[in-house]
Amino acid sequence: MNESGAEWLSLKKMSSYANVSERTLRAWIHSPLNPLPAVRVARKILVRRSEFDVWLTKHRVKPLETLNLDGIVKDVLQGIVRGR
């Protein structure tokens, strides 16, 4: 398989593929909630392209009309009132 079709990508190559910075990729990898799957081989971090694609589809932006903004605001205000 040629380099552009490689399954495992370094952060530099993944940065180009995803059009985000290496810093952003590192933040995603170390996120406490739903981190981007990655492996470390020696000192190099690699991300499998297919796993990135699946991970990314789980982060679709929901249209505003599908969000219950009134409910979110109500929950936040109730949390403040209760000291949470």
Protein backbone atom coordinates (compact mmCIF):
# COMPACT_ATOMS: atom_id res chain seq x y z
CA MET A 1 0.00 0.00 0.00
CA ASN A 2 1.41 3.42 -0.83
CA GLU A 3 2.12 6.06 1.84
CA SER A 4 -1.08 8.05 1.25
CA GLY A 5 -3.16 4.89 1.71
CA ALA A 6 -1.38 3.70 4.88
CA GLU A 7 -3.69 2.38 7.59
CA TRP A 8 -1.59 3.57 10.58
CA LEU A 9 -0.69 7.25 10.52
CA SER A 10 1.73 9.29 12.60
CA LEU A 11 0.32 12.39 14.26
CA LYS A 12 1.93 14.51 11.56
CA LYS A 13 0.23 12.56 8.78
CA MET A 14 -3.05 12.30 10.73
CA SER A 15 -2.93 16.06 11.21
CA SER A 16 -2.84 16.51 7.46
CA TYR A 17 -5.54 13.88 6.89
CA ALA A 18 -7.90 15.38 9.50
CA ASN A 19 -6.97 19.01 8.80
CA VAL A 20 -6.35 19.71 12.50
CA SER A 21 -3.18 20.43 14.46
CA GLU A 22 -1.08 17.78 16.18
CA ARG A 23 -1.91 19.55 19.46
CA THR A 24 -5.63 19.01 18.81
CA LEU A 25 -5.03 15.34 18.02
CA ARG A 26 -3.09 14.92 21.28
CA ALA A 27 -5.94 16.56 23.19
CA TRP A 28 -8.43 14.18 21.57
CA ILE A 29 -6.22 11.17 22.37
CA HIS A 30 -5.90 12.17 26.04
CA SER A 31 -9.50 13.29 26.47
CA PRO A 32 -11.15 11.77 29.56
CA LEU A 33 -14.44 11.34 27.65
CA ASN A 34 -14.40 9.20 24.52
CA PRO A 35 -10.70 9.55 23.64
CA LEU A 36 -9.43 9.04 20.11
CA PRO A 37 -7.98 5.49 19.90
CA ALA A 38 -4.21 5.52 19.40
CA VAL A 39 -1.17 3.38 20.12
CA ARG A 40 2.35 4.26 21.18
CA VAL A 41 5.19 2.35 19.56
CA ALA A 42 8.47 3.34 21.17
CA ARG A 43 8.09 7.16 21.24
CA LYS A 44 5.78 7.44 18.25
CA ILE A 45 1.99 7.76 18.51
CA LEU A 46 0.02 6.13 15.70
CA VAL A 47 -3.64 6.38 14.85
CA ARG A 48 -5.44 3.88 12.65
CA ARG A 49 -7.19 5.77 9.86
CA SER A 50 -10.30 3.55 9.94
CA GLU A 51 -10.64 3.96 13.74
CA PHE A 52 -10.33 7.73 13.37
CA ASP A 53 -13.08 7.76 10.73
CA VAL A 54 -15.43 5.77 13.01
CA TRP A 55 -14.54 7.95 16.03
CA LEU A 56 -15.17 11.10 14.03
CA THR A 57 -18.64 10.02 12.88
CA LYS A 58 -19.64 9.73 16.56
CA HIS A 59 -19.01 13.47 16.93
CA ARG A 60 -21.50 14.79 14.40
CA VAL A 61 -22.90 18.21 15.17
CA LYS A 62 -26.58 18.06 16.00
CA PRO A 63 -28.83 20.70 14.44
CA LEU A 64 -29.91 23.31 17.00
CA GLU A 65 -33.57 22.50 16.48
CA THR A 66 -32.96 18.98 17.81
CA LEU A 67 -31.55 20.29 21.10
CA ASN A 68 -33.83 20.92 24.04
CA LEU A 69 -32.29 24.25 25.03
CA ASP A 70 -35.05 25.03 27.52
CA GLY A 71 -34.42 21.72 29.27
CA ILE A 72 -30.65 22.29 29.34
CA VAL A 73 -31.05 25.78 30.83
CA LYS A 74 -33.55 24.46 33.40
CA ASP A 75 -31.15 21.68 34.46
CA VAL A 76 -28.24 24.12 34.79
CA LEU A 77 -30.29 26.57 36.85
CA GLN A 78 -31.56 23.78 39.12
CA GLY A 79 -27.96 22.65 39.62
CA ILE A 80 -26.93 26.17 40.62
CA VAL A 81 -29.83 26.47 43.05
CA ARG A 82 -28.89 23.12 44.61
CA GLY A 83 -25.21 24.07 44.80
CA ARG A 84 -23.94 21.58 42.19
